[in-house]
Protein backbone atom coordinates (compact mmCIF):
# COMPACT_ATOMS: atom_id res chain seq x y z
CA MET A 1 60.41 118.89 144.77
CA ALA A 2 62.65 119.61 147.74
CA LYS A 3 61.24 122.03 150.37
CA LEU A 4 62.88 124.66 152.41
CA GLU A 5 61.61 125.82 155.75
CA LEU A 6 62.30 129.57 156.23
CA ILE A 7 62.00 131.01 159.76
CA LEU A 8 61.96 134.80 160.09
CA ILE A 9 62.59 136.13 163.47
CA ARG A 10 62.57 139.79 164.73
CA HIS A 11 65.27 140.66 167.37
CA GLY A 12 64.36 141.04 171.02
CA GLU A 13 63.16 144.16 172.64
CA THR A 14 65.38 147.25 173.17
CA ASP A 15 64.82 150.29 175.28
CA TRP A 16 64.29 152.28 172.08
CA ASN A 17 61.51 150.04 171.06
CA SER A 18 59.67 150.41 174.44
CA HIS A 19 60.06 154.19 174.23
CA ARG A 20 59.02 154.37 170.57
CA ILE A 21 62.37 155.70 169.35
CA PHE A 22 63.28 155.27 165.73
CA ARG A 23 66.22 152.80 165.61
CA GLY A 24 67.16 152.21 162.01
CA GLN A 25 70.91 151.61 161.70
CA GLU A 26 71.83 152.94 165.07
CA ASP A 27 73.43 150.00 166.88
CA VAL A 28 71.08 149.62 169.88
CA ARG A 29 71.47 146.81 172.31
CA LEU A 30 68.81 144.44 173.67
CA ASN A 31 67.39 145.20 177.01
CA ALA A 32 66.72 142.55 179.78
CA ASN A 33 63.28 141.72 178.24
CA GLY A 34 65.04 141.33 174.79
CA ILE A 35 67.48 138.91 176.27
CA ALA A 36 64.67 136.77 177.78
CA GLN A 37 62.80 136.81 174.53
CA ALA A 38 65.87 135.60 172.57
CA ASP A 39 66.33 132.84 175.05
CA ALA A 40 62.75 131.84 174.73
CA VAL A 41 63.21 131.53 170.91
CA ALA A 42 66.25 129.47 171.42
CA GLU A 43 64.26 127.10 173.64
CA ALA A 44 61.53 126.89 171.05
CA LEU A 45 64.04 125.93 168.30
CA LYS A 46 66.54 123.89 170.21
CA ASP A 47 65.42 120.62 168.73
CA LYS A 48 65.27 121.86 165.16
CA VAL A 49 67.98 120.85 162.79
CA LEU A 50 69.14 124.17 161.19
CA GLU A 51 70.97 124.56 158.05
CA ALA A 52 72.03 128.08 158.64
CA ILE A 53 71.33 131.18 160.78
CA TYR A 54 71.54 134.64 159.03
CA SER A 55 71.55 137.90 160.87
CA SER A 56 71.68 141.60 160.37
CA PRO A 57 75.04 142.85 161.58
CA LEU A 58 73.54 145.23 164.16
CA LYS A 59 73.94 144.04 167.77
CA ARG A 60 70.30 143.73 168.59
CA ALA A 61 69.84 141.14 165.78
CA TYR A 62 73.24 139.53 166.05
CA VAL A 63 72.92 138.94 169.76
CA THR A 64 69.46 137.51 169.26
CA ALA A 65 70.83 135.15 166.58
CA LYS A 66 73.83 134.16 168.78
CA ARG A 67 71.64 133.21 171.60
CA ILE A 68 69.37 131.15 169.22
CA ALA A 69 72.51 129.39 167.87
CA VAL A 70 73.80 128.27 171.27
CA PRO A 71 72.07 124.84 171.30
CA HIS A 72 73.17 124.11 167.86
CA GLU A 73 76.81 125.28 168.27
CA MET A 74 76.50 127.19 164.96
CA GLU A 75 78.26 130.28 163.49
CA ILE A 76 76.10 133.28 162.51
CA ARG A 77 76.26 134.35 158.91
CA THR A 78 75.94 138.12 158.96
CA LYS A 79 74.36 139.67 155.82
CA ALA A 80 74.48 143.40 155.14
CA GLY A 81 71.47 143.25 152.84
CA ILE A 82 69.05 142.51 155.69
CA VAL A 83 70.20 145.42 157.95
CA ASP A 84 67.54 147.89 159.19
CA VAL A 85 66.26 150.65 157.01
CA SER A 86 68.20 153.92 157.39
CA PHE A 87 65.75 156.38 158.98
CA GLY A 88 68.35 159.20 158.54
CA VAL A 89 67.59 162.21 160.73
CA TRP A 90 64.76 160.39 162.36
CA GLN A 91 67.13 157.81 163.98
CA GLY A 92 67.35 158.51 167.83
CA LYS A 93 64.15 160.63 167.84
CA THR A 94 60.91 159.50 169.47
CA GLU A 95 57.85 159.10 167.30
CA GLN A 96 56.38 162.18 168.97
CA GLN A 97 59.50 164.25 168.20
CA VAL A 98 59.26 163.25 164.55
CA MET A 99 55.53 164.05 164.47
CA GLU A 100 56.25 167.54 165.75
CA SER A 101 59.38 168.19 163.59
CA ASP A 102 58.29 166.68 160.40
CA PRO A 103 54.50 166.18 160.41
CA LYS A 104 53.93 165.92 156.67
CA LEU A 105 56.54 163.25 156.11
CA HIS A 106 55.41 161.32 159.20
CA GLN A 107 51.81 161.39 157.97
CA LYS A 108 53.09 160.15 154.61
CA TRP A 109 54.98 157.36 156.45
CA LEU A 110 51.66 156.32 157.98
CA GLU A 111 49.48 156.65 154.89
CA ARG A 112 51.74 156.08 151.84
CA PRO A 113 55.12 154.67 153.31
CA TYR A 114 56.20 153.09 150.08
CA LYS A 115 56.59 156.72 148.64
CA VAL A 116 58.92 157.79 151.54
CA ARG A 117 62.50 158.78 151.28
CA PHE A 118 63.91 159.56 154.75
CA PRO A 119 66.02 162.87 155.06
CA ARG A 120 69.65 161.79 154.89
CA GLY A 121 68.43 158.20 154.93
CA GLU A 122 67.03 155.57 152.54
CA SER A 123 64.01 155.39 150.39
CA MET A 124 61.53 152.52 150.98
CA LYS A 125 61.74 151.54 147.24
CA LYS A 126 65.57 151.08 147.81
CA ALA A 127 65.03 149.18 151.10
CA TRP A 128 62.60 146.84 149.32
CA LYS A 129 65.10 146.08 146.58
CA ARG A 130 68.01 145.62 149.04
CA VAL A 131 66.25 143.44 151.52
CA ASN A 132 64.51 141.10 149.04
CA THR A 133 67.66 140.78 146.88
CA ALA A 134 69.28 139.38 150.00
CA VAL A 135 66.24 136.99 150.65
CA ARG A 136 66.58 135.66 147.09
CA GLU A 137 70.20 135.16 147.53
CA ILE A 138 69.67 133.15 150.62
CA LEU A 139 66.88 131.01 149.06
CA MET A 140 69.20 130.30 146.08
CA LEU A 141 71.81 129.05 148.40
CA HIS A 142 69.53 126.73 150.47
CA GLY A 143 67.19 124.34 148.71
CA VAL A 144 66.27 122.17 151.64
CA GLY A 145 66.46 122.12 155.43
CA THR A 146 65.61 124.88 157.92
CA VAL A 147 67.03 128.32 157.57
CA VAL A 148 66.64 131.23 160.13
CA ILE A 149 66.80 134.91 159.37
CA VAL A 150 67.13 137.34 162.28
CA THR A 151 66.52 140.96 161.47
CA HIS A 152 64.45 144.03 162.15
CA ARG A 153 60.78 145.10 162.00
CA ILE A 154 60.92 146.99 158.69
CA PRO A 155 63.03 144.44 156.83
CA LEU A 156 60.70 141.64 158.11
CA LYS A 157 57.65 143.51 156.85
CA LEU A 158 59.30 143.86 153.53
CA MET A 159 60.35 140.21 153.37
CA THR A 160 56.97 138.98 154.32
CA THR A 161 55.25 141.13 151.85
CA TYR A 162 57.47 139.94 149.07
CA LEU A 163 57.18 136.20 150.16
CA LEU A 164 53.28 136.65 150.20
CA GLY A 165 53.46 137.92 146.59
CA LYS A 166 52.18 141.39 147.65
CA HIS A 167 53.20 144.73 146.38
CA LEU A 168 55.45 147.11 148.36
CA ASP A 169 52.48 149.37 149.10
CA GLU A 170 51.13 146.72 151.35
CA PHE A 171 53.97 146.20 153.68
CA GLN A 172 52.65 148.24 156.63
CA LYS A 173 49.77 145.80 156.89
CA VAL A 174 52.25 143.17 158.11
CA ARG A 175 52.87 142.88 162.00
CA HIS A 176 56.14 141.44 163.33
CA ASP A 177 56.52 141.65 167.22
CA PRO A 178 59.96 141.42 168.97
CA CYS A 179 61.14 137.82 168.79
CA ALA A 180 58.01 136.64 166.98
CA MET A 181 58.52 134.03 164.45
CA SER A 182 56.96 133.70 160.89
CA VAL A 183 57.51 130.51 159.02
CA PHE A 184 57.32 129.86 155.33
CA GLN A 185 57.53 126.64 153.30
CA ILE A 186 59.59 127.27 150.22
CA GLU A 187 59.08 124.94 147.27
CA GLY A 188 60.48 126.38 143.97
CA GLN A 189 58.63 129.70 143.35
CA ALA A 190 55.90 128.83 145.81
CA HIS A 191 56.25 130.55 149.28
CA VAL A 192 53.50 129.07 151.50
CA PRO A 193 53.01 130.77 154.90
CA ILE A 194 52.72 128.32 157.78
CA VAL A 195 52.47 130.85 160.54
CA LEU A 196 52.87 134.59 160.79
CA ASN A 197 53.97 136.73 163.82
CA ASP A 198 53.78 133.74 166.13
CA THR A 199 54.53 134.75 169.74
CA ARG A 200 53.22 131.55 171.62
CA HIS A 201 56.68 130.76 172.71
CA LEU A 202 56.93 134.07 174.53
CA ALA A 203 53.76 133.63 176.57
CA LYS A 204 55.51 132.14 179.69
CA LEU A 205 57.63 135.35 179.99
CA ASN A 206 54.44 137.38 181.02
CA LEU A 207 55.64 140.44 179.35
CA PRO A 208 53.30 143.42 178.33
CA LYS A 209 52.00 143.02 174.85
CA PRO A 210 54.30 144.99 172.61
CA SER A 211 53.26 147.80 170.35
CA ASP A 212 53.91 147.50 166.62
CA PHE A 213 57.06 149.81 166.74
């Protein structure tokens, strides 16, 4: 049976990442570190033959994808279904501000995140369905070759959990650092993880180790 290589990539660093500010669907730009990280991914993948590159429509993901695409002279396919989760009123607030203003929901986010619905935002159950419907659509379109998806921390946690055959309530166990790569071999209904949260290509940048935020 034909095999598909699926490469999942988180966008590069933004200032909101480094200051632990909830980003969600705010259109935050990459910072200098993020640009360097995106270019390091591009260098790591430059000799790959890519079938397609999909991206969230938000700038931090799209610019990361564009820089990855440069050696391949490829167009980016934006997909709304893989956009970041809507944190609602949390967007633009630091983690500390959220802990102080909404301590019960923040604790629930840490302990039982799959039961969370963000005020004026999205529920995690809705995000799970949205993101993984988009992943299934991509897999249906591409049976062979190498496909890249560039998106955000929470969508990547959801995708990885789904591809590993785990339940939504386990998604916070997944880690995906800025511009890290996770690779799956897809063969029919089998999703075999080759590497998860691989950051070896970023080592030469000598950047501080990122927090999982």
